[in-house]
Each structure stands twice: as C-alpha cells, then as structure tokens.
Amino acid sequence: RMLDIFENFVLFDQSKGQLKKIVPRYFQYYGVNQAFGNIKHRQELDGRLGVFWHTQGSGKSYSMVWLSQKVLRKLTGNFTFIIVTDRTQLDGQVYGNFATVGAVYEKEVRATSINNLHQLLQEDHRQIFTTVQKFQHIDGPISERSDIIVMTDEAHRSQYDTYALNMRKALPGASFIGFTGTPLM
C-alpha cells in the first residue's frame, strides 16, 4: 500500500505560491483503487463503473485526478477521460484542480460549445472537460471508442434523463463512473 501511495497518490500543488503536497484520505485511496479495478474489468461490467460517493468538500476532484493518473500510468491503452460537470463554475473548478497539480497535458481541452465538444470527442485527447448540457444535437455515435472513461461530477443531478441519454448515444463504447457528494438515498 505504501508503494502504491508513493507511486499513484501523491500530488503537488504550487498554485498559491507555496508547494503543497496532497495525499489521499483513506476513503479516497480505497475508492480510487476500487474504481481502478472496475476500469480494468469494464467490459464485464458493461461500462457501468459505479458511483464514488464523497461527502461535500472532501476532495472529489482529487479522487478523479488520482484515478485518471493511475489508469494512464498502469494500464495499456489510449485512454481518454471526459470529466463532466453540470455547471460552468464547477467545470472551471475541476479543470483548475487538474491543472494546478500538473494533470492536464494539453491546452484547449475544455469544450467551449456544443460543436467544440463534438470536435474534441472525435480527436485524441487524454482529458476533455465539459458540462453535461453540451451533449445536445446527438443524432448518433460521435465516438465508438471503448477506451473512453466518463467521470461525472454531481452525478446525482445529471445521470438521468435527456443529457445522460445523449452522452450514451454519443459515446456507446464508453464506460461511466459517477462522483457525488450528496447522499444517494
């Protein structure tokens, strides 16, 4: 476990002028490793990777970073992580958390419009950041890749109805995991 933490669970943030080391809380460590196992077995799970429940303010976006980084480091393949939120402010916050710890590898991976999202989905990126509302005007698959992992923040609000259906139509081969800070009961 200690080697796993050193290799896959240490982030450095220098955004506020000081170097800050970020390590996981126990539930983040176990949750990320459970989700990592689900990604390894995503075909058997039919792309349903589960729900990662946190309490509010407990580091959902860092769990997303650790999960995506561990997958990119440890599994072979050409993975793309689509990080989906339901508000523009939250999109900027999640993107900022990824960026300040050095986990964004390309510029221009935040979808600025519906058309820009469609274009990004047809290209090869390690991450794409978007809001669920940009999944509109979906006539058929945009990408049928099986190495796309959709991580939805605030999944309790956006993983149902039209937008969720549009995501699944646009990405029929993708796997989906929800992150939420709200009780599911």
C-alpha atoms as a PDB file:
ATOM      1  CA  ARG A   1       0.000   0.000   0.000  1.00  0.00           C
ATOM      2  CA  MET A   2       2.802   2.396   0.845  1.00  0.00           C
ATOM      3  CA  LEU A   3       4.421   1.879  -2.557  1.00  0.00           C
ATOM      4  CA  ASP A   4       1.029   2.326  -4.241  1.00  0.00           C
ATOM      5  CA  ILE A   5       0.546   5.620  -2.369  1.00  0.00           C
ATOM      6  CA  PHE A   6       4.022   6.862  -3.324  1.00  0.00           C
ATOM      7  CA  GLU A   7       3.568   5.894  -6.968  1.00  0.00           C
ATOM      8  CA  ASN A   8      -0.054   6.827  -7.607  1.00  0.00           C
ATOM      9  CA  PHE A   9      -1.411   9.055  -4.848  1.00  0.00           C
ATOM     10  CA  VAL A  10       0.920  11.999  -4.258  1.00  0.00           C
ATOM     11  CA  LEU A  11       0.084  15.312  -5.929  1.00  0.00           C
ATOM     12  CA  PHE A  12       1.967  18.590  -5.737  1.00  0.00           C
ATOM     13  CA  ASP A  13       0.155  21.931  -5.970  1.00  0.00           C
ATOM     14  CA  GLN A  14       2.067  25.178  -6.311  1.00  0.00           C
ATOM     15  CA  SER A  15      -0.865  27.380  -7.316  1.00  0.00           C
ATOM     16  CA  LYS A  16      -0.823  29.605  -4.211  1.00  0.00           C
ATOM     17  CA  GLY A  17       2.905  30.347  -4.257  1.00  0.00           C
ATOM     18  CA  GLN A  18       3.838  27.545  -1.897  1.00  0.00           C
ATOM     19  CA  LEU A  19       4.468  23.914  -2.711  1.00  0.00           C
ATOM     20  CA  LYS A  20       1.720  21.819  -1.147  1.00  0.00           C
ATOM     21  CA  LYS A  21       1.782  18.020  -1.089  1.00  0.00           C
ATOM     22  CA  ILE A  22      -1.624  16.342  -1.372  1.00  0.00           C
ATOM     23  CA  VAL A  23      -2.117  12.737  -0.280  1.00  0.00           C
ATOM     24  CA  PRO A  24      -5.376  10.789  -0.107  1.00  0.00           C
ATOM     25  CA  ARG A  25      -7.659  10.198   2.802  1.00  0.00           C
ATOM     26  CA  TYR A  26      -8.365   6.536   3.439  1.00  0.00           C
ATOM     27  CA  PHE A  27     -11.722   6.533   1.614  1.00  0.00           C
ATOM     28  CA  GLN A  28     -10.121   8.182  -1.432  1.00  0.00           C
ATOM     29  CA  TYR A  29      -7.353   5.583  -1.530  1.00  0.00           C
ATOM     30  CA  TYR A  30      -9.753   2.636  -1.274  1.00  0.00           C
ATOM     31  CA  GLY A  31     -12.364   4.215  -3.554  1.00  0.00           C
ATOM     32  CA  VAL A  32      -9.869   5.029  -6.303  1.00  0.00           C
ATOM     33  CA  ASN A  33      -8.447   1.505  -6.166  1.00  0.00           C
ATOM     34  CA  GLN A  34     -11.960   0.009  -6.338  1.00  0.00           C
ATOM     35  CA  ALA A  35     -12.772   2.218  -9.335  1.00  0.00           C
ATOM     36  CA  PHE A  36      -9.416   1.306 -10.908  1.00  0.00           C
ATOM     37  CA  GLY A  37     -10.354  -2.373 -10.600  1.00  0.00           C
ATOM     38  CA  ASN A  38     -13.711  -1.644 -12.217  1.00  0.00           C
ATOM     39  CA  ILE A  39     -11.966   0.089 -15.129  1.00  0.00           C
ATOM     40  CA  LYS A  40      -9.755  -2.960 -15.597  1.00  0.00           C
ATOM     41  CA  HIS A  41     -12.936  -5.076 -15.835  1.00  0.00           C
ATOM     42  CA  ARG A  42     -15.111  -2.533 -17.666  1.00  0.00           C
ATOM     43  CA  GLN A  43     -16.133  -4.969 -20.426  1.00  0.00           C
ATOM     44  CA  GLU A  44     -17.543  -7.454 -17.921  1.00  0.00           C
ATOM     45  CA  LEU A  45     -19.307  -4.590 -16.125  1.00  0.00           C
ATOM     46  CA  ASP A  46     -20.816  -3.403 -19.421  1.00  0.00           C
ATOM     47  CA  GLY A  47     -19.274   0.036 -18.933  1.00  0.00           C
ATOM     48  CA  ARG A  48     -21.015   0.624 -15.593  1.00  0.00           C
ATOM     49  CA  LEU A  49     -18.202   1.562 -13.252  1.00  0.00           C
ATOM     50  CA  GLY A  50     -20.357   2.583 -10.300  1.00  0.00           C
ATOM     51  CA  VAL A  51     -20.794   5.638  -8.099  1.00  0.00           C
ATOM     52  CA  PHE A  52     -17.992   7.123  -5.995  1.00  0.00           C
ATOM     53  CA  TRP A  53     -19.708   8.821  -3.064  1.00  0.00           C
ATOM     54  CA  HIS A  54     -17.928  11.510  -1.045  1.00  0.00           C
ATOM     55  CA  THR A  55     -19.139  13.981   1.497  1.00  0.00           C
ATOM     56  CA  GLN A  56     -19.239  17.583   0.338  1.00  0.00           C
ATOM     57  CA  GLY A  57     -15.835  19.249   0.254  1.00  0.00           C
ATOM     58  CA  SER A  58     -13.919  16.013   0.711  1.00  0.00           C
ATOM     59  CA  GLY A  59     -11.853  16.033  -2.460  1.00  0.00           C
ATOM     60  CA  LYS A  60     -13.894  14.539  -5.310  1.00  0.00           C
ATOM     61  CA  SER A  61     -11.776  16.233  -7.947  1.00  0.00           C
ATOM     62  CA  TYR A  62      -8.543  14.927  -6.400  1.00  0.00           C
ATOM     63  CA  SER A  63     -10.029  11.417  -6.459  1.00  0.00           C
ATOM     64  CA  MET A  64     -10.741  11.975 -10.162  1.00  0.00           C
ATOM     65  CA  VAL A  65      -7.127  13.059 -10.705  1.00  0.00           C
ATOM     66  CA  TRP A  66      -5.717  10.044  -8.863  1.00  0.00           C
ATOM     67  CA  LEU A  67      -7.991   7.656 -10.742  1.00  0.00           C
ATOM     68  CA  SER A  68      -7.210   9.056 -14.176  1.00  0.00           C
ATOM     69  CA  GLN A  69      -3.487   9.277 -13.477  1.00  0.00           C
ATOM     70  CA  LYS A  70      -3.310   5.725 -12.161  1.00  0.00           C
ATOM     71  CA  VAL A  71      -5.134   4.404 -15.227  1.00  0.00           C
ATOM     72  CA  LEU A  72      -2.894   6.350 -17.615  1.00  0.00           C
ATOM     73  CA  ARG A  73       0.217   5.105 -15.782  1.00  0.00           C
ATOM     74  CA  LYS A  74      -0.711   1.485 -15.085  1.00  0.00           C
ATOM     75  CA  LEU A  75      -2.987   0.265 -17.881  1.00  0.00           C
ATOM     76  CA  THR A  76      -2.040  -0.114 -21.503  1.00  0.00           C
ATOM     77  CA  GLY A  77      -4.240   1.680 -23.965  1.00  0.00           C
ATOM     78  CA  ASN A  78      -5.068   5.079 -25.307  1.00  0.00           C
ATOM     79  CA  PHE A  79      -7.493   6.258 -22.626  1.00  0.00           C
ATOM     80  CA  THR A  80      -9.459   9.485 -22.760  1.00  0.00           C
ATOM     81  CA  PHE A  81     -11.137  10.780 -19.617  1.00  0.00           C
ATOM     82  CA  ILE A  82     -14.163  13.004 -20.110  1.00  0.00           C
ATOM     83  CA  ILE A  83     -14.805  14.998 -16.957  1.00  0.00           C
ATOM     84  CA  VAL A  84     -18.433  16.146 -16.944  1.00  0.00           C
ATOM     85  CA  THR A  85     -19.997  18.671 -14.581  1.00  0.00           C
ATOM     86  CA  ASP A  86     -23.389  20.324 -14.521  1.00  0.00           C
ATOM     87  CA  ARG A  87     -22.336  23.978 -14.027  1.00  0.00           C
ATOM     88  CA  THR A  88     -19.786  26.198 -15.749  1.00  0.00           C
ATOM     89  CA  GLN A  89     -18.345  27.286 -12.397  1.00  0.00           C
ATOM     90  CA  LEU A  90     -17.813  23.662 -11.357  1.00  0.00           C
ATOM     91  CA  ASP A  91     -16.258  22.883 -14.752  1.00  0.00           C
ATOM     92  CA  GLY A  92     -13.697  25.627 -14.165  1.00  0.00           C
ATOM     93  CA  GLN A  93     -13.059  24.434 -10.609  1.00  0.00           C
ATOM     94  CA  VAL A  94     -12.465  20.804 -11.616  1.00  0.00           C
ATOM     95  CA  TYR A  95     -10.284  21.851 -14.550  1.00  0.00           C
ATOM     96  CA  GLY A  96      -8.325  24.130 -12.198  1.00  0.00           C
ATOM     97  CA  ASN A  97      -7.736  21.295  -9.737  1.00  0.00           C
ATOM     98  CA  PHE A  98      -6.434  19.054 -12.517  1.00  0.00           C
ATOM     99  CA  ALA A  99      -4.269  21.853 -13.929  1.00  0.00           C
ATOM    100  CA  THR A 100      -2.702  23.017 -10.658  1.00  0.00           C
ATOM    101  CA  VAL A 101      -1.368  19.532  -9.904  1.00  0.00           C
ATOM    102  CA  GLY A 102       0.026  19.094 -13.420  1.00  0.00           C
ATOM    103  CA  ALA A 103      -2.558  16.579 -14.624  1.00  0.00           C
ATOM    104  CA  VAL A 104      -3.659  18.456 -17.775  1.00  0.00           C
ATOM    105  CA  TYR A 105      -1.388  17.608 -20.671  1.00  0.00           C
ATOM    106  CA  GLU A 106      -2.838  19.726 -23.476  1.00  0.00           C
ATOM    107  CA  LYS A 107      -4.269  23.174 -23.996  1.00  0.00           C
ATOM    108  CA  GLU A 108      -7.767  23.685 -25.312  1.00  0.00           C
ATOM    109  CA  VAL A 109      -9.376  20.569 -23.788  1.00  0.00           C
ATOM    110  CA  ARG A 110     -12.274  22.461 -22.206  1.00  0.00           C
ATOM    111  CA  ALA A 111     -15.277  22.312 -24.510  1.00  0.00           C
ATOM    112  CA  THR A 112     -16.404  25.844 -25.268  1.00  0.00           C
ATOM    113  CA  SER A 113     -19.559  24.947 -27.206  1.00  0.00           C
ATOM    114  CA  ILE A 114     -21.639  22.027 -28.410  1.00  0.00           C
ATOM    115  CA  ASN A 115     -19.750  21.954 -31.715  1.00  0.00           C
ATOM    116  CA  ASN A 116     -16.378  22.204 -29.956  1.00  0.00           C
ATOM    117  CA  LEU A 117     -17.325  19.241 -27.741  1.00  0.00           C
ATOM    118  CA  HIS A 118     -18.240  17.174 -30.804  1.00  0.00           C
ATOM    119  CA  GLN A 119     -14.885  18.065 -32.376  1.00  0.00           C
ATOM    120  CA  LEU A 120     -12.926  17.192 -29.203  1.00  0.00           C
ATOM    121  CA  LEU A 121     -14.722  13.833 -28.939  1.00  0.00           C
ATOM    122  CA  GLN A 122     -13.596  12.936 -32.462  1.00  0.00           C
ATOM    123  CA  GLU A 123      -9.955  13.745 -31.658  1.00  0.00           C
ATOM    124  CA  ASP A 124      -7.405  12.014 -29.428  1.00  0.00           C
ATOM    125  CA  HIS A 125      -7.007  13.713 -26.023  1.00  0.00           C
ATOM    126  CA  ARG A 126      -6.093  12.418 -22.557  1.00  0.00           C
ATOM    127  CA  GLN A 127      -8.802  14.577 -20.945  1.00  0.00           C
ATOM    128  CA  ILE A 128     -11.791  16.569 -22.081  1.00  0.00           C
ATOM    129  CA  PHE A 129     -13.623  18.865 -19.662  1.00  0.00           C
ATOM    130  CA  THR A 130     -17.237  19.779 -20.379  1.00  0.00           C
ATOM    131  CA  THR A 131     -20.654  20.416 -18.952  1.00  0.00           C
ATOM    132  CA  VAL A 132     -23.419  17.875 -19.437  1.00  0.00           C
ATOM    133  CA  GLN A 133     -25.562  20.488 -21.183  1.00  0.00           C
ATOM    134  CA  LYS A 134     -23.199  20.437 -24.185  1.00  0.00           C
ATOM    135  CA  PHE A 135     -24.329  16.897 -25.005  1.00  0.00           C
ATOM    136  CA  GLN A 136     -27.029  18.124 -27.375  1.00  0.00           C
ATOM    137  CA  HIS A 137     -27.881  17.564 -31.018  1.00  0.00           C
ATOM    138  CA  ILE A 138     -26.778  13.936 -30.853  1.00  0.00           C
ATOM    139  CA  ASP A 139     -28.042  12.048 -33.876  1.00  0.00           C
ATOM    140  CA  GLY A 140     -25.760   9.055 -33.495  1.00  0.00           C
ATOM    141  CA  PRO A 141     -22.368   7.994 -32.175  1.00  0.00           C
ATOM    142  CA  ILE A 142     -19.653  10.647 -32.174  1.00  0.00           C
ATOM    143  CA  SER A 143     -17.009   8.200 -30.965  1.00  0.00           C
ATOM    144  CA  GLU A 144     -17.323   4.451 -30.572  1.00  0.00           C
ATOM    145  CA  ARG A 145     -14.008   4.000 -28.762  1.00  0.00           C
ATOM    146  CA  SER A 146     -14.058   1.604 -25.815  1.00  0.00           C
ATOM    147  CA  ASP A 147     -11.208   3.356 -24.003  1.00  0.00           C
ATOM    148  CA  ILE A 148     -13.217   6.445 -23.060  1.00  0.00           C
ATOM    149  CA  ILE A 149     -13.985   6.834 -19.365  1.00  0.00           C
ATOM    150  CA  VAL A 150     -16.669   9.392 -18.482  1.00  0.00           C
ATOM    151  CA  MET A 151     -16.329  10.756 -14.941  1.00  0.00           C
ATOM    152  CA  THR A 152     -19.408  12.752 -13.974  1.00  0.00           C
ATOM    153  CA  ASP A 153     -19.246  15.123 -11.026  1.00  0.00           C
ATOM    154  CA  GLU A 154     -22.510  15.753  -9.184  1.00  0.00           C
ATOM    155  CA  ALA A 155     -23.822  12.590 -10.824  1.00  0.00           C
ATOM    156  CA  HIS A 156     -26.991  12.602  -8.713  1.00  0.00           C
ATOM    157  CA  ARG A 157     -28.188  15.624 -10.711  1.00  0.00           C
ATOM    158  CA  SER A 158     -27.108  14.754 -14.232  1.00  0.00           C
ATOM    159  CA  GLN A 159     -27.019  10.983 -14.740  1.00  0.00           C
ATOM    160  CA  TYR A 160     -30.596  10.611 -15.822  1.00  0.00           C
ATOM    161  CA  ASP A 161     -32.980  11.938 -18.429  1.00  0.00           C
ATOM    162  CA  THR A 162     -32.067  13.538 -21.762  1.00  0.00           C
ATOM    163  CA  TYR A 163     -28.468  14.666 -21.147  1.00  0.00           C
ATOM    164  CA  ALA A 164     -27.377  11.286 -19.800  1.00  0.00           C
ATOM    165  CA  LEU A 165     -29.091   9.551 -22.708  1.00  0.00           C
ATOM    166  CA  ASN A 166     -27.326  11.900 -25.123  1.00  0.00           C
ATOM    167  CA  MET A 167     -23.947  11.046 -23.548  1.00  0.00           C
ATOM    168  CA  ARG A 168     -24.626   7.360 -24.000  1.00  0.00           C
ATOM    169  CA  LYS A 169     -25.778   7.856 -27.602  1.00  0.00           C
ATOM    170  CA  ALA A 170     -22.702   9.951 -28.408  1.00  0.00           C
ATOM    171  CA  LEU A 171     -20.307   7.505 -26.710  1.00  0.00           C
ATOM    172  CA  PRO A 172     -21.790   3.994 -26.973  1.00  0.00           C
ATOM    173  CA  GLY A 173     -18.491   2.249 -26.207  1.00  0.00           C
ATOM    174  CA  ALA A 174     -17.579   4.435 -23.216  1.00  0.00           C
ATOM    175  CA  SER A 175     -17.593   3.466 -19.564  1.00  0.00           C
ATOM    176  CA  PHE A 176     -19.244   5.694 -16.966  1.00  0.00           C
ATOM    177  CA  ILE A 177     -18.494   6.431 -13.314  1.00  0.00           C
ATOM    178  CA  GLY A 178     -20.410   8.935 -11.213  1.00  0.00           C
ATOM    179  CA  PHE A 179     -18.968  11.068  -8.446  1.00  0.00           C
ATOM    180  CA  THR A 180     -21.292  12.714  -5.938  1.00  0.00           C
ATOM    181  CA  GLY A 181     -21.149  14.487  -2.612  1.00  0.00           C
ATOM    182  CA  THR A 182     -24.861  14.127  -1.964  1.00  0.00           C
ATOM    183  CA  PRO A 183     -26.411  11.110  -0.220  1.00  0.00           C
ATOM    184  CA  LEU A 184     -27.938   8.745  -2.739  1.00  0.00           C
ATOM    185  CA  MET A 185     -30.767   7.533  -0.507  1.00  0.00           C
END
